[in-house]
Amino acid sequence: AGPYYSWFSVSGRRRKEEITDIQDLVRA
C-alpha cells in the first residue's frame, strides 16, 4: 500500500522547516 510518508524526519535536524511544510500542506 505504499508509498509511505511521515510528518517529521528521524533526525529532527530540519524540524522548523518540516513544521512549515506541514502548515503549508494543511493550508493547501
PDB file of all heavy atoms in Angstrom:
ATOM      1  N   ALA A   1       0.797  -1.227   0.000  1.00  0.00           N
ATOM      2  CA  ALA A   1       0.000   0.000   0.000  1.00  0.00           C
ATOM      3  C   ALA A   1       0.828   1.275   0.000  1.00  0.00           C
ATOM      4  O   ALA A   1       0.295   2.352   0.191  1.00  0.00           O
ATOM      5  CB  ALA A   1      -0.936   0.012   1.207  1.00  0.00           C
ATOM      6  N   GLY A   2       2.138   1.171  -0.213  1.00  0.00           N
ATOM      7  CA  GLY A   2       2.993   2.354  -0.230  1.00  0.00           C
ATOM      8  C   GLY A   2       2.737   3.193  -1.471  1.00  0.00           C
ATOM      9  O   GLY A   2       1.889   2.842  -2.298  1.00  0.00           O
ATOM     10  N   PRO A   3       3.392   4.326  -1.588  1.00  0.00           N
ATOM     11  CA  PRO A   3       4.473   4.775  -0.725  1.00  0.00           C
ATOM     12  C   PRO A   3       3.965   5.234   0.639  1.00  0.00           C
ATOM     13  O   PRO A   3       2.797   5.570   0.799  1.00  0.00           O
ATOM     14  CB  PRO A   3       5.086   5.935  -1.497  1.00  0.00           C
ATOM     15  CG  PRO A   3       3.991   6.454  -2.363  1.00  0.00           C
ATOM     16  CD  PRO A   3       3.122   5.263  -2.684  1.00  0.00           C
ATOM     17  N   TYR A   4       4.892   5.241   1.586  1.00  0.00           N
ATOM     18  CA  TYR A   4       4.601   5.625   2.961  1.00  0.00           C
ATOM     19  C   TYR A   4       5.225   6.993   3.232  1.00  0.00           C
ATOM     20  O   TYR A   4       6.229   7.355   2.630  1.00  0.00           O
ATOM     21  CB  TYR A   4       5.180   4.591   3.931  1.00  0.00           C
ATOM     22  CG  TYR A   4       4.747   3.179   3.606  1.00  0.00           C
ATOM     23  CD1 TYR A   4       5.576   2.323   2.905  1.00  0.00           C
ATOM     24  CD2 TYR A   4       3.502   2.715   3.993  1.00  0.00           C
ATOM     25  CE1 TYR A   4       5.175   1.033   2.589  1.00  0.00           C
ATOM     26  CE2 TYR A   4       3.081   1.426   3.681  1.00  0.00           C
ATOM     27  CZ  TYR A   4       3.923   0.593   2.982  1.00  0.00           C
ATOM     28  OH  TYR A   4       3.525  -0.678   2.662  1.00  0.00           O
ATOM     29  N   TYR A   5       4.608   7.720   4.159  1.00  0.00           N
ATOM     30  CA  TYR A   5       5.068   9.077   4.464  1.00  0.00           C
ATOM     31  C   TYR A   5       5.077   9.321   5.963  1.00  0.00           C
ATOM     32  O   TYR A   5       4.346   8.685   6.716  1.00  0.00           O
ATOM     33  CB  TYR A   5       4.138  10.115   3.811  1.00  0.00           C
ATOM     34  CG  TYR A   5       4.064  10.001   2.323  1.00  0.00           C
ATOM     35  CD1 TYR A   5       3.026   9.314   1.707  1.00  0.00           C
ATOM     36  CD2 TYR A   5       5.039  10.577   1.529  1.00  0.00           C
ATOM     37  CE1 TYR A   5       2.963   9.197   0.331  1.00  0.00           C
ATOM     38  CE2 TYR A   5       4.986  10.469   0.143  1.00  0.00           C
ATOM     39  CZ  TYR A   5       3.939   9.778  -0.445  1.00  0.00           C
ATOM     40  OH  TYR A   5       3.876   9.660  -1.811  1.00  0.00           O
ATOM     41  N   SER A   6       5.902  10.287   6.367  1.00  0.00           N
ATOM     42  CA  SER A   6       5.967  10.716   7.766  1.00  0.00           C
ATOM     43  C   SER A   6       5.907  12.232   7.826  1.00  0.00           C
ATOM     44  O   SER A   6       6.243  12.922   6.858  1.00  0.00           O
ATOM     45  CB  SER A   6       7.260  10.225   8.426  1.00  0.00           C
ATOM     46  OG  SER A   6       7.232   8.824   8.555  1.00  0.00           O
ATOM     47  N   TRP A   7       5.515  12.727   8.975  1.00  0.00           N
ATOM     48  CA  TRP A   7       5.409  14.178   9.159  1.00  0.00           C
ATOM     49  C   TRP A   7       6.742  14.792   9.524  1.00  0.00           C
ATOM     50  O   TRP A   7       6.997  15.962   9.221  1.00  0.00           O
ATOM     51  CB  TRP A   7       4.357  14.488  10.222  1.00  0.00           C
ATOM     52  CG  TRP A   7       3.006  14.050   9.770  1.00  0.00           C
ATOM     53  CD1 TRP A   7       2.339  12.911  10.134  1.00  0.00           C
ATOM     54  CD2 TRP A   7       2.171  14.697   8.815  1.00  0.00           C
ATOM     55  NE1 TRP A   7       1.144  12.819   9.472  1.00  0.00           N
ATOM     56  CE2 TRP A   7       1.008  13.899   8.654  1.00  0.00           C
ATOM     57  CE3 TRP A   7       2.285  15.875   8.082  1.00  0.00           C
ATOM     58  CZ2 TRP A   7      -0.014  14.256   7.791  1.00  0.00           C
ATOM     59  CZ3 TRP A   7       1.253  16.218   7.229  1.00  0.00           C
ATOM     60  CH2 TRP A   7       0.128  15.412   7.092  1.00  0.00           C
ATOM     61  N   PHE A   8       7.601  14.024  10.184  1.00  0.00           N
ATOM     62  CA  PHE A   8       8.906  14.521  10.593  1.00  0.00           C
ATOM     63  C   PHE A   8       9.976  13.515  10.218  1.00  0.00           C
ATOM     64  O   PHE A   8       9.719  12.314  10.194  1.00  0.00           O
ATOM     65  CB  PHE A   8       8.960  14.751  12.117  1.00  0.00           C
ATOM     66  CG  PHE A   8       7.970  15.767  12.598  1.00  0.00           C
ATOM     67  CD1 PHE A   8       6.783  15.366  13.186  1.00  0.00           C
ATOM     68  CD2 PHE A   8       8.213  17.118  12.450  1.00  0.00           C
ATOM     69  CE1 PHE A   8       5.858  16.305  13.629  1.00  0.00           C
ATOM     70  CE2 PHE A   8       7.298  18.057  12.881  1.00  0.00           C
ATOM     71  CZ  PHE A   8       6.119  17.657  13.478  1.00  0.00           C
ATOM     72  N   SER A   9      11.205  14.004   9.966  1.00  0.00           N
ATOM     73  CA  SER A   9      12.316  13.107   9.676  1.00  0.00           C
ATOM     74  C   SER A   9      12.806  12.481  10.981  1.00  0.00           C
ATOM     75  O   SER A   9      12.525  12.974  12.066  1.00  0.00           O
ATOM     76  CB  SER A   9      13.457  13.864   8.998  1.00  0.00           C
ATOM     77  OG  SER A   9      13.942  14.888   9.837  1.00  0.00           O
ATOM     78  N   VAL A  10      13.531  11.419  10.841  1.00  0.00           N
ATOM     79  CA  VAL A  10      14.039  10.724  12.025  1.00  0.00           C
ATOM     80  C   VAL A  10      15.027  11.605  12.786  1.00  0.00           C
ATOM     81  O   VAL A  10      15.002  11.668  14.008  1.00  0.00           O
ATOM     82  CB  VAL A  10      14.719   9.394  11.610  1.00  0.00           C
ATOM     83  CG1 VAL A  10      15.365   8.721  12.807  1.00  0.00           C
ATOM     84  CG2 VAL A  10      13.701   8.475  10.971  1.00  0.00           C
ATOM     85  N   SER A  11      15.872  12.324  12.068  1.00  0.00           N
ATOM     86  CA  SER A  11      16.924  13.104  12.719  1.00  0.00           C
ATOM     87  C   SER A  11      16.403  14.335  13.442  1.00  0.00           C
ATOM     88  O   SER A  11      16.948  14.739  14.454  1.00  0.00           O
ATOM     89  CB  SER A  11      17.972  13.536  11.688  1.00  0.00           C
ATOM     90  OG  SER A  11      17.422  14.508  10.810  1.00  0.00           O
ATOM     91  N   GLY A  12      15.368  14.946  12.924  1.00  0.00           N
ATOM     92  CA  GLY A  12      14.839  16.152  13.544  1.00  0.00           C
ATOM     93  C   GLY A  12      15.686  17.386  13.292  1.00  0.00           C
ATOM     94  O   GLY A  12      15.424  18.447  13.843  1.00  0.00           O
ATOM     95  N   ARG A  13      16.689  17.285  12.438  1.00  0.00           N
ATOM     96  CA  ARG A  13      17.573  18.429  12.160  1.00  0.00           C
ATOM     97  C   ARG A  13      16.840  19.556  11.452  1.00  0.00           C
ATOM     98  O   ARG A  13      17.196  20.709  11.604  1.00  0.00           O
ATOM     99  CB  ARG A  13      18.758  17.987  11.306  1.00  0.00           C
ATOM    100  CG  ARG A  13      19.698  17.069  12.013  1.00  0.00           C
ATOM    101  CD  ARG A  13      20.852  16.691  11.116  1.00  0.00           C
ATOM    102  NE  ARG A  13      21.595  15.608  11.725  1.00  0.00           N
ATOM    103  CZ  ARG A  13      22.510  14.911  11.118  1.00  0.00           C
ATOM    104  NH1 ARG A  13      22.807  15.178   9.861  1.00  0.00           N
ATOM    105  NH2 ARG A  13      23.138  13.938  11.740  1.00  0.00           N
ATOM    106  N   ARG A  14      15.849  19.211  10.683  1.00  0.00           N
ATOM    107  CA  ARG A  14      15.100  20.198   9.913  1.00  0.00           C
ATOM    108  C   ARG A  14      13.738  20.476  10.529  1.00  0.00           C
ATOM    109  O   ARG A  14      12.804  20.851   9.847  1.00  0.00           O
ATOM    110  CB  ARG A  14      14.889  19.678   8.481  1.00  0.00           C
ATOM    111  CG  ARG A  14      16.127  19.543   7.668  1.00  0.00           C
ATOM    112  CD  ARG A  14      15.808  19.215   6.208  1.00  0.00           C
ATOM    113  NE  ARG A  14      14.869  20.162   5.630  1.00  0.00           N
ATOM    114  CZ  ARG A  14      13.630  19.839   5.216  1.00  0.00           C
ATOM    115  NH1 ARG A  14      13.180  18.626   5.312  1.00  0.00           N
ATOM    116  NH2 ARG A  14      12.846  20.752   4.690  1.00  0.00           N
ATOM    117  N   ARG A  15      13.590  20.315  11.812  1.00  0.00           N
ATOM    118  CA  ARG A  15      12.279  20.378  12.460  1.00  0.00           C
ATOM    119  C   ARG A  15      11.507  21.649  12.117  1.00  0.00           C
ATOM    120  O   ARG A  15      10.321  21.585  11.802  1.00  0.00           O
ATOM    121  CB  ARG A  15      12.466  20.231  13.973  1.00  0.00           C
ATOM    122  CG  ARG A  15      11.196  19.999  14.774  1.00  0.00           C
ATOM    123  CD  ARG A  15      10.399  18.748  14.405  1.00  0.00           C
ATOM    124  NE  ARG A  15      11.143  17.554  14.155  1.00  0.00           N
ATOM    125  CZ  ARG A  15      11.243  16.499  14.933  1.00  0.00           C
ATOM    126  NH1 ARG A  15      10.648  16.470  16.075  1.00  0.00           N
ATOM    127  NH2 ARG A  15      11.926  15.444  14.567  1.00  0.00           N
ATOM    128  N   LYS A  16      12.133  22.820  12.157  1.00  0.00           N
ATOM    129  CA  LYS A  16      11.403  24.053  11.851  1.00  0.00           C
ATOM    130  C   LYS A  16      10.898  24.071  10.416  1.00  0.00           C
ATOM    131  O   LYS A  16       9.765  24.463  10.156  1.00  0.00           O
ATOM    132  CB  LYS A  16      12.287  25.278  12.105  1.00  0.00           C
ATOM    133  CG  LYS A  16      12.492  25.582  13.566  1.00  0.00           C
ATOM    134  CD  LYS A  16      13.290  26.855  13.766  1.00  0.00           C
ATOM    135  CE  LYS A  16      13.467  27.118  15.237  1.00  0.00           C
ATOM    136  NZ  LYS A  16      14.236  28.344  15.488  1.00  0.00           N
ATOM    137  N   GLU A  17      11.739  23.610   9.473  1.00  0.00           N
ATOM    138  CA  GLU A  17      11.315  23.549   8.081  1.00  0.00           C
ATOM    139  C   GLU A  17      10.193  22.535   7.897  1.00  0.00           C
ATOM    140  O   GLU A  17       9.260  22.756   7.127  1.00  0.00           O
ATOM    141  CB  GLU A  17      12.493  23.189   7.164  1.00  0.00           C
ATOM    142  CG  GLU A  17      13.560  24.266   7.079  1.00  0.00           C
ATOM    143  CD  GLU A  17      14.625  24.132   8.170  1.00  0.00           C
ATOM    144  OE1 GLU A  17      14.504  23.235   9.032  1.00  0.00           O
ATOM    145  OE2 GLU A  17      15.563  24.922   8.169  1.00  0.00           O
ATOM    146  N   GLU A  18      10.287  21.410   8.596  1.00  0.00           N
ATOM    147  CA  GLU A  18       9.251  20.389   8.496  1.00  0.00           C
ATOM    148  C   GLU A  18       7.914  20.892   9.036  1.00  0.00           C
ATOM    149  O   GLU A  18       6.858  20.621   8.451  1.00  0.00           O
ATOM    150  CB  GLU A  18       9.688  19.128   9.228  1.00  0.00           C
ATOM    151  CG  GLU A  18      10.842  18.430   8.541  1.00  0.00           C
ATOM    152  CD  GLU A  18      11.480  17.337   9.373  1.00  0.00           C
ATOM    153  OE1 GLU A  18      11.157  17.193  10.568  1.00  0.00           O
ATOM    154  OE2 GLU A  18      12.313  16.612   8.815  1.00  0.00           O
ATOM    155  N   ILE A  19       7.948  21.628  10.120  1.00  0.00           N
ATOM    156  CA  ILE A  19       6.720  22.209  10.666  1.00  0.00           C
ATOM    157  C   ILE A  19       6.119  23.191   9.665  1.00  0.00           C
ATOM    158  O   ILE A  19       4.905  23.193   9.437  1.00  0.00           O
ATOM    159  CB  ILE A  19       6.977  22.867  12.035  1.00  0.00           C
ATOM    160  CG1 ILE A  19       7.277  21.781  13.077  1.00  0.00           C
ATOM    161  CG2 ILE A  19       5.792  23.736  12.456  1.00  0.00           C
ATOM    162  CD1 ILE A  19       7.773  22.309  14.399  1.00  0.00           C
ATOM    163  N   THR A  20       6.950  23.989   9.015  1.00  0.00           N
ATOM    164  CA  THR A  20       6.466  24.909   7.984  1.00  0.00           C
ATOM    165  C   THR A  20       5.846  24.136   6.830  1.00  0.00           C
ATOM    166  O   THR A  20       4.789  24.506   6.313  1.00  0.00           O
ATOM    167  CB  THR A  20       7.614  25.805   7.473  1.00  0.00           C
ATOM    168  OG1 THR A  20       8.106  26.574   8.573  1.00  0.00           O
ATOM    169  CG2 THR A  20       7.155  26.734   6.366  1.00  0.00           C
ATOM    170  N   ASP A  21       6.476  23.032   6.420  1.00  0.00           N
ATOM    171  CA  ASP A  21       5.926  22.195   5.349  1.00  0.00           C
ATOM    172  C   ASP A  21       4.548  21.654   5.734  1.00  0.00           C
ATOM    173  O   ASP A  21       3.625  21.628   4.910  1.00  0.00           O
ATOM    174  CB  ASP A  21       6.860  21.024   5.030  1.00  0.00           C
ATOM    175  CG  ASP A  21       8.155  21.452   4.368  1.00  0.00           C
ATOM    176  OD1 ASP A  21       8.236  22.608   3.882  1.00  0.00           O
ATOM    177  OD2 ASP A  21       9.099  20.632   4.344  1.00  0.00           O
ATOM    178  N   ILE A  22       4.404  21.202   6.969  1.00  0.00           N
ATOM    179  CA  ILE A  22       3.121  20.680   7.441  1.00  0.00           C
ATOM    180  C   ILE A  22       2.061  21.775   7.431  1.00  0.00           C
ATOM    181  O   ILE A  22       0.937  21.573   6.975  1.00  0.00           O
ATOM    182  CB  ILE A  22       3.257  20.070   8.850  1.00  0.00           C
ATOM    183  CG1 ILE A  22       4.138  18.820   8.779  1.00  0.00           C
ATOM    184  CG2 ILE A  22       1.891  19.744   9.450  1.00  0.00           C
ATOM    185  CD1 ILE A  22       4.606  18.333  10.129  1.00  0.00           C
ATOM    186  N   GLN A  23       2.428  22.941   7.915  1.00  0.00           N
ATOM    187  CA  GLN A  23       1.483  24.060   7.913  1.00  0.00           C
ATOM    188  C   GLN A  23       1.055  24.395   6.489  1.00  0.00           C
ATOM    189  O   GLN A  23      -0.125  24.662   6.233  1.00  0.00           O
ATOM    190  CB  GLN A  23       2.107  25.278   8.584  1.00  0.00           C
ATOM    191  CG  GLN A  23       2.289  25.108  10.075  1.00  0.00           C
ATOM    192  CD  GLN A  23       3.133  26.213  10.696  1.00  0.00           C
ATOM    193  OE1 GLN A  23       3.978  26.821  10.045  1.00  0.00           O
ATOM    194  NE2 GLN A  23       2.902  26.459  11.974  1.00  0.00           N
ATOM    195  N   ASP A  24       2.002  24.353   5.548  1.00  0.00           N
ATOM    196  CA  ASP A  24       1.672  24.631   4.148  1.00  0.00           C
ATOM    197  C   ASP A  24       0.711  23.580   3.584  1.00  0.00           C
ATOM    198  O   ASP A  24      -0.214  23.919   2.846  1.00  0.00           O
ATOM    199  CB  ASP A  24       2.947  24.686   3.296  1.00  0.00           C
ATOM    200  CG  ASP A  24       3.814  25.899   3.604  1.00  0.00           C
ATOM    201  OD1 ASP A  24       3.327  26.862   4.245  1.00  0.00           O
ATOM    202  OD2 ASP A  24       4.994  25.881   3.192  1.00  0.00           O
ATOM    203  N   LEU A  25       0.935  22.310   3.916  1.00  0.00           N
ATOM    204  CA  LEU A  25       0.035  21.248   3.449  1.00  0.00           C
ATOM    205  C   LEU A  25      -1.370  21.418   4.006  1.00  0.00           C
ATOM    206  O   LEU A  25      -2.361  21.278   3.281  1.00  0.00           O
ATOM    207  CB  LEU A  25       0.571  19.880   3.862  1.00  0.00           C
ATOM    208  CG  LEU A  25       1.669  19.293   3.001  1.00  0.00           C
ATOM    209  CD1 LEU A  25       2.240  18.047   3.669  1.00  0.00           C
ATOM    210  CD2 LEU A  25       1.131  18.943   1.634  1.00  0.00           C
ATOM    211  N   VAL A  26      -1.470  21.715   5.289  1.00  0.00           N
ATOM    212  CA  VAL A  26      -2.782  21.910   5.903  1.00  0.00           C
ATOM    213  C   VAL A  26      -3.468  23.125   5.285  1.00  0.00           C
ATOM    214  O   VAL A  26      -4.650  23.080   4.943  1.00  0.00           O
ATOM    215  CB  VAL A  26      -2.668  22.032   7.440  1.00  0.00           C
ATOM    216  CG1 VAL A  26      -3.986  22.461   8.057  1.00  0.00           C
ATOM    217  CG2 VAL A  26      -2.190  20.719   8.038  1.00  0.00           C
ATOM    218  N   ARG A  27      -2.715  24.207   5.102  1.00  0.00           N
ATOM    219  CA  ARG A  27      -3.281  25.410   4.490  1.00  0.00           C
ATOM    220  C   ARG A  27      -3.771  25.110   3.076  1.00  0.00           C
ATOM    221  O   ARG A  27      -4.858  25.544   2.675  1.00  0.00           O
ATOM    222  CB  ARG A  27      -2.226  26.519   4.467  1.00  0.00           C
ATOM    223  CG  ARG A  27      -2.781  27.885   4.143  1.00  0.00           C
ATOM    224  CD  ARG A  27      -1.738  29.004   4.329  1.00  0.00           C
ATOM    225  NE  ARG A  27      -1.300  29.075   5.719  1.00  0.00           N
ATOM    226  CZ  ARG A  27      -0.042  28.817   6.140  1.00  0.00           C
ATOM    227  NH1 ARG A  27       0.893  28.472   5.283  1.00  0.00           N
ATOM    228  NH2 ARG A  27       0.274  28.927   7.403  1.00  0.00           N
ATOM    229  N   ALA A  28      -2.994  24.352   2.295  1.00  0.00           N
ATOM    230  CA  ALA A  28      -3.391  23.993   0.928  1.00  0.00           C
ATOM    231  C   ALA A  28      -4.654  23.131   0.932  1.00  0.00           C
ATOM    232  O   ALA A  28      -5.528  23.299   0.072  1.00  0.00           O
ATOM    233  CB  ALA A  28      -2.249  23.274   0.216  1.00  0.00           C
TER     234      ALA A  28
END
